[in-house]
Amino acid sequence: MTTKSDNQERTAQPRMTMRNRNRLMLIGLMLLSLLPLGAAVTIYYGASWMVEGAQSNRGWLIDPPGDLEALGLIADDGTVVVPGESRRWRLLVIPGSTCDETCLEALQLLRQVHVLLGRDADRVLRLAVMTPSSPAGLRGTLRARLPEMPFVQGPPDILQAAVRGRALRGQQPIPVAGTLDAGILTVDPLGNVVLYHGLDQIGQELLSDLKQLLRLSNIG
């Protein structure tokens, strides 16, 4: 004789089986949705060699970033250039020890790159960095051709000092740190030296990197 409780038990078993199956399917779907995230995290942190060269920057990221104040730049009024005095990005323009006509044309092109930043142009300041090895008369030449660009005085081998002990990460072959003489250092408003570009990258490559930095940045 079948009792009421027997009927209820037989009815409850299929329901419980169905409920468990649905729960397992839900857990399985959740795990599947997390797989891409887990794979990305594993590759990024556990197998970074797999994403080398995948950076979007055209210049070289300085890792870890340098420190503006540690570069020892001195303004024309004798004060040390420090972060915080201006909520703008700085482009430290280092012409090097042999700035010929090609170099001067690149620095003039940099002014056009600055203009092409459009409404973000006011967020960026260009500074010409003179060092003890700068060619005689270069300051006068730059003042005549680029009168809007302020000057600062830097120590010898400033580029090499800026990247010493740091990695340069980019799409192109890494320049030999000991040979760096000329180029552009990009400094964020907090004083972090974050990017290096060669003078030959002044143009679309530098413009692309600056636009990306300014678009992503909520400082300066």
C-alpha atoms as a PDB file:
ATOM      1  CA  MET A   1       0.000   0.000   0.000  1.00  0.00           C
ATOM      2  CA  THR A   2       1.435   3.342  -1.094  1.00  0.00           C
ATOM      3  CA  THR A   3       1.193   6.066   1.466  1.00  0.00           C
ATOM      4  CA  LYS A   4       0.900   9.771   0.886  1.00  0.00           C
ATOM      5  CA  SER A   5       4.443  10.284   2.186  1.00  0.00           C
ATOM      6  CA  ASP A   6       5.792   7.754  -0.339  1.00  0.00           C
ATOM      7  CA  ASN A   7       4.179   9.694  -3.186  1.00  0.00           C
ATOM      8  CA  GLN A   8       5.592  12.974  -1.915  1.00  0.00           C
ATOM      9  CA  GLU A   9       9.077  11.444  -1.649  1.00  0.00           C
ATOM     10  CA  ARG A  10       8.945  10.067  -5.205  1.00  0.00           C
ATOM     11  CA  THR A  11       7.776  13.471  -6.484  1.00  0.00           C
ATOM     12  CA  ALA A  12      10.436  15.364  -4.556  1.00  0.00           C
ATOM     13  CA  GLN A  13      13.332  13.266  -5.902  1.00  0.00           C
ATOM     14  CA  PRO A  14      12.994  14.351  -9.583  1.00  0.00           C
ATOM     15  CA  ARG A  15      12.591  17.951  -8.458  1.00  0.00           C
ATOM     16  CA  MET A  16      15.745  17.742  -6.386  1.00  0.00           C
ATOM     17  CA  THR A  17      17.622  16.125  -9.269  1.00  0.00           C
ATOM     18  CA  MET A  18      16.440  18.879 -11.623  1.00  0.00           C
ATOM     19  CA  ARG A  19      17.419  21.563  -9.117  1.00  0.00           C
ATOM     20  CA  ASN A  20      20.908  20.100  -8.684  1.00  0.00           C
ATOM     21  CA  ARG A  21      21.362  19.830 -12.465  1.00  0.00           C
ATOM     22  CA  ASN A  22      20.326  23.478 -12.940  1.00  0.00           C
ATOM     23  CA  ARG A  23      22.672  24.549 -10.160  1.00  0.00           C
ATOM     24  CA  LEU A  24      25.595  22.702 -11.756  1.00  0.00           C
ATOM     25  CA  MET A  25      24.808  24.281 -15.137  1.00  0.00           C
ATOM     26  CA  LEU A  26      24.753  27.742 -13.543  1.00  0.00           C
ATOM     27  CA  ILE A  27      28.087  27.137 -11.834  1.00  0.00           C
ATOM     28  CA  GLY A  28      29.531  25.844 -15.109  1.00  0.00           C
ATOM     29  CA  LEU A  29      28.386  28.961 -17.005  1.00  0.00           C
ATOM     30  CA  MET A  30      29.896  31.202 -14.337  1.00  0.00           C
ATOM     31  CA  LEU A  31      33.231  29.367 -14.568  1.00  0.00           C
ATOM     32  CA  LEU A  32      33.197  29.646 -18.368  1.00  0.00           C
ATOM     33  CA  SER A  33      32.617  33.393 -18.158  1.00  0.00           C
ATOM     34  CA  LEU A  34      35.596  33.747 -15.805  1.00  0.00           C
ATOM     35  CA  LEU A  35      38.010  31.728 -17.958  1.00  0.00           C
ATOM     36  CA  PRO A  36      39.043  34.592 -20.288  1.00  0.00           C
ATOM     37  CA  LEU A  37      39.733  36.880 -17.310  1.00  0.00           C
ATOM     38  CA  GLY A  38      41.708  34.167 -15.555  1.00  0.00           C
ATOM     39  CA  ALA A  39      43.735  33.465 -18.679  1.00  0.00           C
ATOM     40  CA  ALA A  40      44.518  37.147 -19.166  1.00  0.00           C
ATOM     41  CA  VAL A  41      45.650  37.567 -15.565  1.00  0.00           C
ATOM     42  CA  THR A  42      47.780  34.414 -15.769  1.00  0.00           C
ATOM     43  CA  ILE A  43      49.477  35.541 -18.986  1.00  0.00           C
ATOM     44  CA  TYR A  44      50.062  39.094 -17.770  1.00  0.00           C
ATOM     45  CA  TYR A  45      51.514  38.245 -14.394  1.00  0.00           C
ATOM     46  CA  GLY A  46      52.775  34.715 -14.856  1.00  0.00           C
ATOM     47  CA  ALA A  47      53.955  34.701 -18.476  1.00  0.00           C
ATOM     48  CA  SER A  48      54.743  38.293 -19.382  1.00  0.00           C
ATOM     49  CA  TRP A  49      57.071  37.054 -22.156  1.00  0.00           C
ATOM     50  CA  MET A  50      53.941  36.164 -24.145  1.00  0.00           C
ATOM     51  CA  VAL A  51      52.852  39.805 -24.385  1.00  0.00           C
ATOM     52  CA  GLU A  52      56.230  41.440 -24.992  1.00  0.00           C
ATOM     53  CA  GLY A  53      55.965  43.848 -27.894  1.00  0.00           C
ATOM     54  CA  ALA A  54      52.191  44.123 -27.491  1.00  0.00           C
ATOM     55  CA  GLN A  55      52.430  47.631 -26.096  1.00  0.00           C
ATOM     56  CA  SER A  56      50.679  50.351 -28.023  1.00  0.00           C
ATOM     57  CA  ASN A  57      53.309  52.991 -27.258  1.00  0.00           C
ATOM     58  CA  ARG A  58      55.568  54.069 -30.119  1.00  0.00           C
ATOM     59  CA  GLY A  59      58.339  55.358 -27.863  1.00  0.00           C
ATOM     60  CA  TRP A  60      59.816  53.560 -24.878  1.00  0.00           C
ATOM     61  CA  LEU A  61      58.095  53.353 -21.506  1.00  0.00           C
ATOM     62  CA  ILE A  62      60.541  53.915 -18.652  1.00  0.00           C
ATOM     63  CA  ASP A  63      59.977  51.192 -16.044  1.00  0.00           C
ATOM     64  CA  PRO A  64      59.906  52.118 -13.235  1.00  0.00           C
ATOM     65  CA  PRO A  65      59.329  55.806 -14.011  1.00  0.00           C
ATOM     66  CA  GLY A  66      62.110  58.254 -13.245  1.00  0.00           C
ATOM     67  CA  ASP A  67      61.929  61.262 -10.942  1.00  0.00           C
ATOM     68  CA  LEU A  68      61.937  64.785 -12.378  1.00  0.00           C
ATOM     69  CA  GLU A  69      63.535  66.354  -9.315  1.00  0.00           C
ATOM     70  CA  ALA A  70      66.358  63.781  -9.347  1.00  0.00           C
ATOM     71  CA  LEU A  71      67.374  65.009 -12.827  1.00  0.00           C
ATOM     72  CA  GLY A  72      68.686  68.231 -11.295  1.00  0.00           C
ATOM     73  CA  LEU A  73      67.248  70.669 -13.835  1.00  0.00           C
ATOM     74  CA  ILE A  74      67.828  74.348 -13.110  1.00  0.00           C
ATOM     75  CA  ALA A  75      65.609  77.098 -14.553  1.00  0.00           C
ATOM     76  CA  ASP A  76      67.078  80.341 -15.879  1.00  0.00           C
ATOM     77  CA  ASP A  77      66.129  82.090 -12.639  1.00  0.00           C
ATOM     78  CA  GLY A  78      68.289  79.633 -10.674  1.00  0.00           C
ATOM     79  CA  THR A  79      65.455  77.585  -9.162  1.00  0.00           C
ATOM     80  CA  VAL A  80      65.297  73.781  -9.291  1.00  0.00           C
ATOM     81  CA  VAL A  81      62.593  72.394 -11.588  1.00  0.00           C
ATOM     82  CA  VAL A  82      60.283  70.344  -9.352  1.00  0.00           C
ATOM     83  CA  PRO A  83      56.893  68.628  -9.755  1.00  0.00           C
ATOM     84  CA  GLY A  84      53.838  70.460  -8.540  1.00  0.00           C
ATOM     85  CA  GLU A  85      54.817  73.916  -9.748  1.00  0.00           C
ATOM     86  CA  SER A  86      52.770  73.397 -12.912  1.00  0.00           C
ATOM     87  CA  ARG A  87      49.835  71.043 -13.445  1.00  0.00           C
ATOM     88  CA  ARG A  88      51.062  70.330 -16.948  1.00  0.00           C
ATOM     89  CA  TRP A  89      52.877  67.564 -18.738  1.00  0.00           C
ATOM     90  CA  ARG A  90      56.457  68.470 -19.623  1.00  0.00           C
ATOM     91  CA  LEU A  91      58.442  67.523 -22.696  1.00  0.00           C
ATOM     92  CA  LEU A  92      62.140  67.737 -21.830  1.00  0.00           C
ATOM     93  CA  VAL A  93      63.775  68.460 -25.190  1.00  0.00           C
ATOM     94  CA  ILE A  94      67.420  67.338 -25.103  1.00  0.00           C
ATOM     95  CA  PRO A  95      69.160  68.342 -28.379  1.00  0.00           C
ATOM     96  CA  GLY A  96      72.369  66.495 -27.509  1.00  0.00           C
ATOM     97  CA  SER A  97      76.005  67.392 -28.089  1.00  0.00           C
ATOM     98  CA  THR A  98      75.831  67.624 -31.893  1.00  0.00           C
ATOM     99  CA  CYS A  99      72.588  69.324 -32.910  1.00  0.00           C
ATOM    100  CA  ASP A 100      72.905  69.828 -36.662  1.00  0.00           C
ATOM    101  CA  GLU A 101      70.333  71.153 -39.126  1.00  0.00           C
ATOM    102  CA  THR A 102      68.417  67.835 -39.080  1.00  0.00           C
ATOM    103  CA  CYS A 103      68.178  68.109 -35.302  1.00  0.00           C
ATOM    104  CA  LEU A 104      66.956  71.707 -35.513  1.00  0.00           C
ATOM    105  CA  GLU A 105      64.299  70.736 -38.071  1.00  0.00           C
ATOM    106  CA  ALA A 106      63.105  67.963 -35.740  1.00  0.00           C
ATOM    107  CA  LEU A 107      62.749  70.462 -32.886  1.00  0.00           C
ATOM    108  CA  GLN A 108      60.765  72.779 -35.140  1.00  0.00           C
ATOM    109  CA  LEU A 109      58.545  69.835 -36.095  1.00  0.00           C
ATOM    110  CA  LEU A 110      57.981  69.271 -32.377  1.00  0.00           C
ATOM    111  CA  ARG A 111      56.267  72.668 -32.239  1.00  0.00           C
ATOM    112  CA  GLN A 112      53.830  71.460 -34.913  1.00  0.00           C
ATOM    113  CA  VAL A 113      53.222  68.245 -32.951  1.00  0.00           C
ATOM    114  CA  HIS A 114      52.404  70.418 -29.936  1.00  0.00           C
ATOM    115  CA  VAL A 115      49.892  72.431 -31.974  1.00  0.00           C
ATOM    116  CA  LEU A 116      48.279  69.237 -33.317  1.00  0.00           C
ATOM    117  CA  LEU A 117      47.317  68.265 -29.776  1.00  0.00           C
ATOM    118  CA  GLY A 118      44.460  70.720 -30.255  1.00  0.00           C
ATOM    119  CA  ARG A 119      42.537  71.559 -27.106  1.00  0.00           C
ATOM    120  CA  ASP A 120      45.043  69.515 -25.087  1.00  0.00           C
ATOM    121  CA  ALA A 121      47.984  71.659 -26.210  1.00  0.00           C
ATOM    122  CA  ASP A 122      47.703  73.866 -23.101  1.00  0.00           C
ATOM    123  CA  ARG A 123      48.263  70.786 -20.922  1.00  0.00           C
ATOM    124  CA  VAL A 124      51.800  70.369 -22.294  1.00  0.00           C
ATOM    125  CA  LEU A 125      54.946  72.475 -21.792  1.00  0.00           C
ATOM    126  CA  ARG A 126      58.124  72.095 -23.863  1.00  0.00           C
ATOM    127  CA  LEU A 127      61.463  72.790 -22.169  1.00  0.00           C
ATOM    128  CA  ALA A 128      64.803  72.948 -23.988  1.00  0.00           C
ATOM    129  CA  VAL A 129      67.445  71.239 -21.853  1.00  0.00           C
ATOM    130  CA  MET A 130      70.951  72.683 -22.225  1.00  0.00           C
ATOM    131  CA  THR A 131      73.895  70.711 -20.829  1.00  0.00           C
ATOM    132  CA  PRO A 132      77.638  71.410 -20.555  1.00  0.00           C
ATOM    133  CA  SER A 133      78.104  69.485 -23.819  1.00  0.00           C
ATOM    134  CA  SER A 134      75.512  71.474 -25.788  1.00  0.00           C
ATOM    135  CA  PRO A 135      77.002  73.088 -28.929  1.00  0.00           C
ATOM    136  CA  ALA A 136      78.138  76.684 -28.587  1.00  0.00           C
ATOM    137  CA  GLY A 137      75.513  79.037 -29.948  1.00  0.00           C
ATOM    138  CA  LEU A 138      72.716  76.448 -29.774  1.00  0.00           C
ATOM    139  CA  ARG A 139      70.794  78.422 -27.173  1.00  0.00           C
ATOM    140  CA  GLY A 140      70.824  81.508 -29.400  1.00  0.00           C
ATOM    141  CA  THR A 141      69.747  79.491 -32.438  1.00  0.00           C
ATOM    142  CA  LEU A 142      66.850  77.878 -30.583  1.00  0.00           C
ATOM    143  CA  ARG A 143      65.803  81.191 -29.084  1.00  0.00           C
ATOM    144  CA  ALA A 144      65.610  82.665 -32.585  1.00  0.00           C
ATOM    145  CA  ARG A 145      63.725  79.723 -34.127  1.00  0.00           C
ATOM    146  CA  LEU A 146      61.566  78.688 -31.142  1.00  0.00           C
ATOM    147  CA  PRO A 147      61.171  81.808 -28.994  1.00  0.00           C
ATOM    148  CA  GLU A 148      58.225  80.354 -27.055  1.00  0.00           C
ATOM    149  CA  MET A 149      60.248  77.452 -25.596  1.00  0.00           C
ATOM    150  CA  PRO A 150      61.797  78.076 -22.148  1.00  0.00           C
ATOM    151  CA  PHE A 151      65.304  76.865 -21.298  1.00  0.00           C
ATOM    152  CA  VAL A 152      66.577  74.845 -18.363  1.00  0.00           C
ATOM    153  CA  GLN A 153      70.105  73.723 -17.531  1.00  0.00           C
ATOM    154  CA  GLY A 154      70.745  69.997 -17.075  1.00  0.00           C
ATOM    155  CA  PRO A 155      73.722  67.945 -15.892  1.00  0.00           C
ATOM    156  CA  PRO A 156      76.009  66.020 -18.279  1.00  0.00           C
ATOM    157  CA  ASP A 157      74.667  62.701 -19.617  1.00  0.00           C
ATOM    158  CA  ILE A 158      71.150  63.544 -18.413  1.00  0.00           C
ATOM    159  CA  LEU A 159      69.457  60.976 -20.672  1.00  0.00           C
ATOM    160  CA  GLN A 160      71.689  58.165 -19.517  1.00  0.00           C
ATOM    161  CA  ALA A 161      71.049  59.161 -15.904  1.00  0.00           C
ATOM    162  CA  ALA A 162      67.281  59.241 -16.523  1.00  0.00           C
ATOM    163  CA  VAL A 163      67.144  55.604 -17.657  1.00  0.00           C
ATOM    164  CA  ARG A 164      69.974  54.121 -15.611  1.00  0.00           C
ATOM    165  CA  GLY A 165      68.790  51.019 -13.741  1.00  0.00           C
ATOM    166  CA  ARG A 166      65.425  51.091 -15.536  1.00  0.00           C
ATOM    167  CA  ALA A 167      63.907  49.047 -18.341  1.00  0.00           C
ATOM    168  CA  LEU A 168      62.851  50.594 -21.647  1.00  0.00           C
ATOM    169  CA  ARG A 169      59.721  48.908 -23.000  1.00  0.00           C
ATOM    170  CA  GLY A 170      58.467  49.474 -26.514  1.00  0.00           C
ATOM    171  CA  GLN A 171      57.750  47.977 -29.920  1.00  0.00           C
ATOM    172  CA  GLN A 172      61.122  48.827 -31.412  1.00  0.00           C
ATOM    173  CA  PRO A 173      64.608  47.525 -30.532  1.00  0.00           C
ATOM    174  CA  ILE A 174      65.739  48.903 -27.190  1.00  0.00           C
ATOM    175  CA  PRO A 175      68.316  51.690 -27.539  1.00  0.00           C
ATOM    176  CA  VAL A 176      71.594  51.131 -25.718  1.00  0.00           C
ATOM    177  CA  ALA A 177      71.320  53.280 -22.592  1.00  0.00           C
ATOM    178  CA  GLY A 178      75.015  54.205 -22.636  1.00  0.00           C
ATOM    179  CA  THR A 179      74.705  55.745 -26.115  1.00  0.00           C
ATOM    180  CA  LEU A 180      71.694  58.000 -25.462  1.00  0.00           C
ATOM    181  CA  ASP A 181      72.576  61.617 -26.115  1.00  0.00           C
ATOM    182  CA  ALA A 182      69.503  63.314 -27.595  1.00  0.00           C
ATOM    183  CA  GLY A 183      65.754  62.852 -27.439  1.00  0.00           C
ATOM    184  CA  ILE A 184      62.539  63.740 -25.652  1.00  0.00           C
ATOM    185  CA  LEU A 185      61.610  62.778 -22.093  1.00  0.00           C
ATOM    186  CA  THR A 186      57.909  62.979 -21.211  1.00  0.00           C
ATOM    187  CA  VAL A 187      57.164  63.899 -17.596  1.00  0.00           C
ATOM    188  CA  ASP A 188      53.691  63.705 -16.050  1.00  0.00           C
ATOM    189  CA  PRO A 189      52.306  66.497 -13.784  1.00  0.00           C
ATOM    190  CA  LEU A 190      53.389  64.550 -10.678  1.00  0.00           C
ATOM    191  CA  GLY A 191      57.028  64.547 -11.779  1.00  0.00           C
ATOM    192  CA  ASN A 192      57.235  60.964 -13.095  1.00  0.00           C
ATOM    193  CA  VAL A 193      59.509  60.576 -16.127  1.00  0.00           C
ATOM    194  CA  VAL A 194      57.462  58.059 -18.110  1.00  0.00           C
ATOM    195  CA  LEU A 195      58.513  58.012 -21.773  1.00  0.00           C
ATOM    196  CA  TYR A 196      61.555  58.404 -23.988  1.00  0.00           C
ATOM    197  CA  HIS A 197      61.449  59.220 -27.710  1.00  0.00           C
ATOM    198  CA  GLY A 198      64.333  59.687 -30.094  1.00  0.00           C
ATOM    199  CA  LEU A 199      64.484  62.859 -32.149  1.00  0.00           C
ATOM    200  CA  ASP A 200      63.674  60.738 -35.213  1.00  0.00           C
ATOM    201  CA  GLN A 201      60.314  59.868 -33.614  1.00  0.00           C
ATOM    202  CA  ILE A 202      59.157  63.484 -33.485  1.00  0.00           C
ATOM    203  CA  GLY A 203      56.079  63.393 -35.673  1.00  0.00           C
ATOM    204  CA  GLN A 204      53.256  60.862 -35.796  1.00  0.00           C
ATOM    205  CA  GLU A 205      54.892  58.471 -33.316  1.00  0.00           C
ATOM    206  CA  LEU A 206      55.317  61.065 -30.581  1.00  0.00           C
ATOM    207  CA  LEU A 207      51.939  62.643 -31.345  1.00  0.00           C
ATOM    208  CA  SER A 208      50.177  59.271 -31.027  1.00  0.00           C
ATOM    209  CA  ASP A 209      51.758  58.576 -27.637  1.00  0.00           C
ATOM    210  CA  LEU A 210      50.994  62.044 -26.289  1.00  0.00           C
ATOM    211  CA  LYS A 211      47.359  61.858 -27.383  1.00  0.00           C
ATOM    212  CA  GLN A 212      46.967  58.495 -25.680  1.00  0.00           C
ATOM    213  CA  LEU A 213      48.581  59.716 -22.455  1.00  0.00           C
ATOM    214  CA  LEU A 214      46.457  62.860 -22.318  1.00  0.00           C
ATOM    215  CA  ARG A 215      43.279  60.933 -23.120  1.00  0.00           C
ATOM    216  CA  LEU A 216      43.864  58.405 -20.352  1.00  0.00           C
ATOM    217  CA  SER A 217      45.174  60.855 -17.770  1.00  0.00           C
ATOM    218  CA  ASN A 218      42.953  62.510 -15.164  1.00  0.00           C
ATOM    219  CA  ILE A 219      45.810  64.691 -13.887  1.00  0.00           C
ATOM    220  CA  GLY A 220      47.121  67.798 -15.545  1.00  0.00           C
END
